Amino acid sequence: MPQPIDPSSELGRVTAAERVQQLADRASLAAQARGTANAAQQAVNLETQVARTDQKNERVDEELRRRNPYVGRRRGKGSGTQDQPEGGETPTPQHEAVERHQRAESGEEHTLDVII
């Protein structure tokens, strides 16, 4: 035997189904907004934080010492002759340029490293 239809209970069921759908839609939109906010925060964190520091290479130190061997050994006027190079002369820019030119002509450690 068929059940009688109660309009108020049927209307309540339809309303409850609509509310469940609205809640599911809102939850999906909230999750999407949360994901976008997290992605934006991660982008800001990446831009403001140093990812990795470069390790100091020993070869760089050797190169700097070769180019400027008297760094850290220079003293003020009248400090004596113990800091002067061989021959008792102080190196002038002209003498250093001549030495660099002679090293370049001899081919000693003359390499070109191009990294793009």
C-alpha atoms as a PDB file:
ATOM      1  CA  MET A   1       0.000   0.000   0.000  1.00  0.00           C
ATOM      2  CA  PRO A   2       1.400   3.418  -0.938  1.00  0.00           C
ATOM      3  CA  GLN A   3       2.459   5.855   1.749  1.00  0.00           C
ATOM      4  CA  PRO A   4       0.724   9.171   1.940  1.00  0.00           C
ATOM      5  CA  ILE A   5       2.897  12.205   0.980  1.00  0.00           C
ATOM      6  CA  ASP A   6       3.438  14.730   3.726  1.00  0.00           C
ATOM      7  CA  PRO A   7       4.324  18.068   2.073  1.00  0.00           C
ATOM      8  CA  SER A   8       6.147  19.523   5.088  1.00  0.00           C
ATOM      9  CA  SER A   9       8.448  16.491   5.568  1.00  0.00           C
ATOM     10  CA  GLU A  10       9.237  16.358   1.819  1.00  0.00           C
ATOM     11  CA  LEU A  11      10.005  20.079   1.839  1.00  0.00           C
ATOM     12  CA  GLY A  12      12.292  19.526   4.855  1.00  0.00           C
ATOM     13  CA  ARG A  13      14.179  16.751   3.031  1.00  0.00           C
ATOM     14  CA  VAL A  14      14.702  18.937  -0.056  1.00  0.00           C
ATOM     15  CA  THR A  15      15.895  21.822   2.097  1.00  0.00           C
ATOM     16  CA  ALA A  16      18.325  19.556   3.970  1.00  0.00           C
ATOM     17  CA  ALA A  17      19.740  18.225   0.671  1.00  0.00           C
ATOM     18  CA  GLU A  18      20.260  21.799  -0.603  1.00  0.00           C
ATOM     19  CA  ARG A  19      22.056  22.754   2.596  1.00  0.00           C
ATOM     20  CA  VAL A  20      24.382  19.744   2.345  1.00  0.00           C
ATOM     21  CA  GLN A  21      25.244  20.751  -1.245  1.00  0.00           C
ATOM     22  CA  GLN A  22      25.910  24.349  -0.175  1.00  0.00           C
ATOM     23  CA  LEU A  23      28.166  23.148   2.653  1.00  0.00           C
ATOM     24  CA  ALA A  24      30.137  20.949   0.251  1.00  0.00           C
ATOM     25  CA  ASP A  25      30.552  23.886  -2.158  1.00  0.00           C
ATOM     26  CA  ARG A  26      31.695  26.205   0.625  1.00  0.00           C
ATOM     27  CA  ALA A  27      34.155  23.612   1.938  1.00  0.00           C
ATOM     28  CA  SER A  28      35.637  23.166  -1.528  1.00  0.00           C
ATOM     29  CA  LEU A  29      35.957  26.940  -2.020  1.00  0.00           C
ATOM     30  CA  ALA A  30      37.541  27.335   1.424  1.00  0.00           C
ATOM     31  CA  ALA A  31      40.089  24.590   0.666  1.00  0.00           C
ATOM     32  CA  GLN A  32      40.904  26.237  -2.657  1.00  0.00           C
ATOM     33  CA  ALA A  33      41.378  29.641  -0.983  1.00  0.00           C
ATOM     34  CA  ARG A  34      43.544  28.069   1.733  1.00  0.00           C
ATOM     35  CA  GLY A  35      45.726  26.391  -0.907  1.00  0.00           C
ATOM     36  CA  THR A  36      46.165  29.685  -2.764  1.00  0.00           C
ATOM     37  CA  ALA A  37      47.093  31.486   0.460  1.00  0.00           C
ATOM     38  CA  ASN A  38      49.633  28.764   1.349  1.00  0.00           C
ATOM     39  CA  ALA A  39      51.199  28.970  -2.126  1.00  0.00           C
ATOM     40  CA  ALA A  40      51.467  32.754  -1.835  1.00  0.00           C
ATOM     41  CA  GLN A  41      53.073  32.451   1.618  1.00  0.00           C
ATOM     42  CA  GLN A  42      55.585  29.897   0.330  1.00  0.00           C
ATOM     43  CA  ALA A  43      56.498  32.218  -2.547  1.00  0.00           C
ATOM     44  CA  VAL A  44      57.084  35.060  -0.087  1.00  0.00           C
ATOM     45  CA  ASN A  45      59.221  32.782   2.097  1.00  0.00           C
ATOM     46  CA  LEU A  46      61.325  31.718  -0.886  1.00  0.00           C
ATOM     47  CA  GLU A  47      61.892  35.326  -1.918  1.00  0.00           C
ATOM     48  CA  THR A  48      62.865  36.533   1.544  1.00  0.00           C
ATOM     49  CA  GLN A  49      65.034  33.638   2.721  1.00  0.00           C
ATOM     50  CA  VAL A  50      68.494  32.678   1.476  1.00  0.00           C
ATOM     51  CA  ALA A  51      68.286  29.193   0.053  1.00  0.00           C
ATOM     52  CA  ARG A  52      71.981  28.275   0.065  1.00  0.00           C
ATOM     53  CA  THR A  53      75.241  30.050   0.746  1.00  0.00           C
ATOM     54  CA  ASP A  54      78.189  29.493  -1.534  1.00  0.00           C
ATOM     55  CA  GLN A  55      81.112  27.714   0.023  1.00  0.00           C
ATOM     56  CA  LYS A  56      84.393  29.597  -0.019  1.00  0.00           C
ATOM     57  CA  ASN A  57      86.790  27.862  -2.350  1.00  0.00           C
ATOM     58  CA  GLU A  58      90.472  27.407  -1.491  1.00  0.00           C
ATOM     59  CA  ARG A  59      91.394  28.061  -5.110  1.00  0.00           C
ATOM     60  CA  VAL A  60      89.913  31.558  -4.809  1.00  0.00           C
ATOM     61  CA  ASP A  61      92.136  32.243  -1.785  1.00  0.00           C
ATOM     62  CA  GLU A  62      95.204  31.079  -3.710  1.00  0.00           C
ATOM     63  CA  GLU A  63      94.255  33.304  -6.637  1.00  0.00           C
ATOM     64  CA  LEU A  64      93.820  36.344  -4.376  1.00  0.00           C
ATOM     65  CA  ARG A  65      97.138  35.645  -2.625  1.00  0.00           C
ATOM     66  CA  ARG A  66      98.850  35.327  -6.011  1.00  0.00           C
ATOM     67  CA  ARG A  67      97.379  38.615  -7.200  1.00  0.00           C
ATOM     68  CA  ASN A  68      98.066  40.535  -4.011  1.00  0.00           C
ATOM     69  CA  PRO A  69     100.708  38.737  -1.933  1.00  0.00           C
ATOM     70  CA  TYR A  70     101.313  41.577   0.534  1.00  0.00           C
ATOM     71  CA  VAL A  71      97.757  41.960   1.885  1.00  0.00           C
ATOM     72  CA  GLY A  72      97.782  41.948   5.660  1.00  0.00           C
ATOM     73  CA  ARG A  73     101.545  42.399   5.872  1.00  0.00           C
ATOM     74  CA  ARG A  74     101.698  46.107   5.176  1.00  0.00           C
ATOM     75  CA  ARG A  75     102.350  48.438   8.050  1.00  0.00           C
ATOM     76  CA  GLY A  76     102.579  52.152   8.525  1.00  0.00           C
ATOM     77  CA  LYS A  77     105.566  54.307   7.619  1.00  0.00           C
ATOM     78  CA  GLY A  78     108.834  53.515   9.374  1.00  0.00           C
ATOM     79  CA  SER A  79     107.903  49.956  10.279  1.00  0.00           C
ATOM     80  CA  GLY A  80     111.251  48.539   9.195  1.00  0.00           C
ATOM     81  CA  THR A  81     112.480  46.488   6.273  1.00  0.00           C
ATOM     82  CA  GLN A  82     111.174  43.066   7.232  1.00  0.00           C
ATOM     83  CA  ASP A  83     107.928  43.517   5.253  1.00  0.00           C
ATOM     84  CA  GLN A  84     109.678  44.576   2.058  1.00  0.00           C
ATOM     85  CA  PRO A  85     110.014  42.086  -0.792  1.00  0.00           C
ATOM     86  CA  GLU A  86     113.338  40.657  -1.963  1.00  0.00           C
ATOM     87  CA  GLY A  87     115.797  43.224  -3.217  1.00  0.00           C
ATOM     88  CA  GLY A  88     114.720  45.847  -0.694  1.00  0.00           C
ATOM     89  CA  GLU A  89     112.393  47.575  -3.180  1.00  0.00           C
ATOM     90  CA  THR A  90     108.718  48.237  -2.765  1.00  0.00           C
ATOM     91  CA  PRO A  91     106.738  46.991  -5.745  1.00  0.00           C
ATOM     92  CA  THR A  92     105.350  49.755  -7.916  1.00  0.00           C
ATOM     93  CA  PRO A  93     102.311  49.396 -10.124  1.00  0.00           C
ATOM     94  CA  GLN A  94     104.580  49.494 -13.184  1.00  0.00           C
ATOM     95  CA  HIS A  95     106.687  46.579 -11.900  1.00  0.00           C
ATOM     96  CA  GLU A  96     103.569  44.555 -11.075  1.00  0.00           C
ATOM     97  CA  ALA A  97     102.177  45.208 -14.569  1.00  0.00           C
ATOM     98  CA  VAL A  98     105.436  44.032 -16.158  1.00  0.00           C
ATOM     99  CA  GLU A  99     105.361  40.847 -14.049  1.00  0.00           C
ATOM    100  CA  ARG A 100     101.760  40.128 -15.040  1.00  0.00           C
ATOM    101  CA  HIS A 101     102.623  40.685 -18.707  1.00  0.00           C
ATOM    102  CA  GLN A 102     105.585  38.305 -18.478  1.00  0.00           C
ATOM    103  CA  ARG A 103     103.455  35.633 -16.801  1.00  0.00           C
ATOM    104  CA  ALA A 104     100.813  35.971 -19.516  1.00  0.00           C
ATOM    105  CA  GLU A 105     103.401  35.572 -22.282  1.00  0.00           C
ATOM    106  CA  SER A 106     104.926  32.507 -20.645  1.00  0.00           C
ATOM    107  CA  GLY A 107     101.522  30.753 -20.711  1.00  0.00           C
ATOM    108  CA  GLU A 108     101.651  29.943 -17.008  1.00  0.00           C
ATOM    109  CA  GLU A 109      98.097  29.228 -15.801  1.00  0.00           C
ATOM    110  CA  HIS A 110      96.610  31.141 -18.698  1.00  0.00           C
ATOM    111  CA  THR A 111      93.060  29.814 -19.034  1.00  0.00           C
ATOM    112  CA  LEU A 112      89.805  31.381 -20.039  1.00  0.00           C
ATOM    113  CA  ASP A 113      86.734  30.192 -18.192  1.00  0.00           C
ATOM    114  CA  VAL A 114      83.429  31.417 -19.600  1.00  0.00           C
ATOM    115  CA  ILE A 115      80.308  30.327 -17.747  1.00  0.00           C
ATOM    116  CA  ILE A 116      76.917  31.585 -18.829  1.00  0.00           C
END
